[in-house]
Protein backbone atom coordinates (compact mmCIF):
# COMPACT_ATOMS: atom_id res chain seq x y z
CA MET A 1 76.90 128.83 -42.37
CA ASN A 2 75.70 131.35 -39.78
CA ASP A 3 77.74 130.56 -36.67
CA ALA A 4 75.77 132.94 -34.54
CA LEU A 5 72.56 131.08 -34.96
CA VAL A 6 71.90 128.52 -32.15
CA VAL A 7 69.34 125.79 -31.81
CA ASN A 8 67.86 125.44 -28.09
CA LEU A 9 65.64 122.54 -26.97
CA CYS A 10 62.53 124.26 -25.33
CA THR A 11 61.12 123.52 -21.97
CA ILE A 12 57.52 124.12 -20.55
CA GLU A 13 58.79 127.69 -19.59
CA ASP A 14 58.96 128.51 -23.44
CA ILE A 15 55.39 127.66 -24.41
CA GLY A 16 54.33 131.31 -24.20
CA ILE A 17 56.80 132.41 -27.03
CA LEU A 18 56.17 129.13 -28.99
CA ALA A 19 52.43 129.84 -28.98
CA SER A 20 53.03 133.48 -30.17
CA LEU A 21 55.25 132.19 -33.00
CA ASN A 22 52.68 129.48 -33.87
CA LYS A 23 49.93 132.16 -34.09
CA GLN A 24 52.12 133.97 -36.62
CA LEU A 25 52.77 130.69 -38.48
CA ILE A 26 48.97 130.01 -38.81
CA GLU A 27 48.44 133.66 -40.03
CA ASP A 28 51.32 133.55 -42.53
CA GLU A 29 50.17 130.11 -43.92
CA GLN A 30 46.49 131.30 -44.09
CA HIS A 31 45.73 128.18 -42.10
CA ASP A 32 42.16 127.73 -41.09
CA ASN A 33 43.06 126.89 -37.39
CA PRO A 34 40.72 129.14 -35.38
CA MET A 35 42.57 128.64 -31.93
CA ASN A 36 43.44 131.81 -29.95
CA ALA A 37 46.59 132.52 -28.14
CA GLU A 38 45.54 130.71 -24.92
CA GLN A 39 44.41 127.74 -26.81
CA LEU A 40 47.65 127.53 -28.90
CA LYS A 41 49.58 127.83 -25.50
CA ALA A 42 47.74 124.90 -24.07
CA ARG A 43 48.19 122.82 -27.35
CA MET A 44 51.85 123.65 -27.33
CA GLY A 45 52.20 122.39 -23.74
CA VAL A 46 50.62 119.09 -24.77
CA PHE A 47 52.88 118.83 -27.50
CA ILE A 48 56.11 119.21 -25.75
CA SER A 49 55.08 117.15 -22.74
CA SER A 50 54.34 114.21 -25.08
CA GLU A 51 56.10 112.87 -28.21
CA TYR A 52 57.20 116.30 -29.64
CA ASN A 53 60.18 118.44 -28.88
CA ALA A 54 60.24 122.16 -29.73
CA TYR A 55 63.39 124.02 -30.65
CA LEU A 56 64.04 127.92 -30.74
CA PHE A 57 66.35 129.29 -33.22
CA ASN A 58 68.43 132.09 -31.43
CA GLU A 59 70.82 134.66 -32.71
CA GLN A 60 72.76 136.65 -30.16
CA GLY A 61 69.98 136.12 -27.62
CA VAL A 62 67.19 137.16 -30.13
CA VAL A 63 64.59 134.52 -31.22
CA LYS A 64 64.61 134.15 -34.97
CA GLY A 65 62.15 131.20 -35.22
CA TYR A 66 61.18 127.87 -34.08
CA ALA A 67 60.61 124.12 -35.03
CA LEU A 68 58.32 121.37 -33.72
CA VAL A 69 59.56 117.88 -34.23
CA LYS A 70 57.65 114.61 -33.64
CA HIS A 71 60.29 112.23 -32.18
CA ALA A 72 57.92 109.23 -31.84
CA ARG A 73 58.29 108.16 -35.52
CA GLN A 74 60.86 107.40 -38.06
CA PRO A 75 61.64 109.28 -40.07
CA LEU A 76 61.19 112.17 -37.76
CA TYR A 77 58.26 114.60 -38.54
CA LEU A 78 58.56 118.32 -38.78
CA ARG A 79 55.22 119.58 -37.78
CA GLN A 80 55.95 123.27 -37.65
CA PHE A 81 58.83 125.39 -38.82
CA PHE A 82 58.89 129.16 -38.71
CA ILE A 83 61.30 131.99 -39.27
CA CYS A 84 60.19 135.43 -37.74
CA ARG A 85 58.94 137.81 -40.44
CA GLU A 86 61.67 140.41 -39.97
CA SER A 87 64.29 137.66 -40.36
CA ARG A 88 63.03 136.22 -43.66
CA ARG A 89 64.59 136.51 -47.15
CA GLN A 90 68.19 136.49 -45.69
CA GLY A 91 68.86 132.71 -46.01
CA LEU A 92 68.14 132.24 -42.20
CA GLY A 93 65.53 129.57 -42.90
CA LYS A 94 68.00 127.42 -44.75
CA VAL A 95 70.69 127.80 -42.19
CA ALA A 96 68.21 127.11 -39.36
CA PHE A 97 67.05 123.99 -40.95
CA ALA A 98 70.62 122.66 -41.59
CA LYS A 99 71.39 123.32 -38.02
CA LEU A 100 68.22 121.68 -36.91
CA LEU A 101 69.11 118.51 -38.94
CA ASP A 102 72.66 118.56 -37.41
CA TYR A 103 71.17 119.04 -33.97
CA LEU A 104 68.86 116.01 -34.44
CA GLY A 105 71.45 113.86 -35.97
CA THR A 106 69.56 113.07 -39.14
CA ASP A 107 69.47 113.67 -42.88
CA THR A 108 65.91 112.35 -43.21
CA ILE A 109 62.75 114.03 -42.08
CA ASP A 110 59.10 114.31 -43.37
CA LEU A 111 56.96 117.41 -43.37
CA GLU A 112 53.65 118.73 -44.78
CA VAL A 113 53.08 122.04 -46.54
CA MET A 114 49.62 123.54 -47.02
CA PHE A 115 48.50 123.00 -50.68
CA TRP A 116 48.06 126.75 -51.27
CA ASN A 117 51.39 127.79 -49.66
CA GLU A 118 53.45 128.34 -52.81
CA ARG A 119 56.37 130.09 -51.01
CA GLY A 120 56.56 127.15 -48.49
CA LYS A 121 56.63 124.58 -51.24
CA GLN A 122 59.36 126.50 -53.12
CA PHE A 123 61.38 126.81 -49.94
CA TRP A 124 61.21 123.02 -49.13
CA ARG A 125 61.80 122.01 -52.73
CA SER A 126 64.99 124.22 -52.68
CA LEU A 127 66.15 122.06 -49.74
CA GLY A 128 65.77 118.79 -51.55
CA PHE A 129 62.27 117.85 -50.59
CA GLN A 130 60.09 115.95 -53.05
CA GLU A 131 56.33 115.21 -53.01
CA ARG A 132 55.57 111.71 -51.57
CA SER A 133 51.81 111.87 -51.10
CA LEU A 134 48.75 113.95 -51.48
CA TYR A 135 46.83 114.58 -48.18
CA LEU A 136 43.20 115.14 -48.68
CA ARG A 137 40.25 116.24 -46.45
CA ARG A 138 36.59 116.07 -46.82
CA GLU A 139 34.82 118.43 -44.48
CA GLN A 140 31.21 118.19 -43.15
CA GLY A 141 28.91 120.35 -45.05
CA VAL A 142 30.67 120.08 -48.34
CA ILE A 143 28.17 119.22 -51.03
CA GLU A 144 29.07 116.27 -53.08
CA PRO A 145 28.97 116.69 -56.89
CA GLU A 146 26.20 114.84 -58.63
CA ARG A 147 26.86 111.21 -59.26
CA LYS A 148 25.72 111.05 -62.88
CA GLY A 149 24.98 107.72 -64.17
CA LEU A 150 24.99 105.87 -60.78
CA HIS A 151 21.23 106.02 -60.34
CA GLU A 152 18.81 106.30 -63.14
CA ASP A 153 15.10 107.17 -62.73
CA SER A 154 12.76 104.75 -64.32
């Protein structure tokens, strides 16, 4: 395991870097979240001042990624996990995740992956995660398919 990688608990002083990393995560996931940097910063401040803790992954003083974990439920919920673009494909994600679990003192954690994020799904499956549910959304303005056979005209 990469001994140089360190997990640090974030404070309110870290919300700027966390918001910046969160913006990159949103872009990389092709998420539909429209928030700008200031909105993400405000939201991150709310997260870490409530039931979430954020953690930075640092290697020799350089930020390599972050995680956002909800502690107010069991099992814990990993809301966000991100490794910086230039640090990917080197095994750092697996190391960071293992160190995060060790830091949290748990082997059990839940998370969600965007349906279209194939790389994300492959990554989490490689760490032993299995599907447990299917999260669905119906958005306003989506046209319902015709309900054939439900109403017949006389």
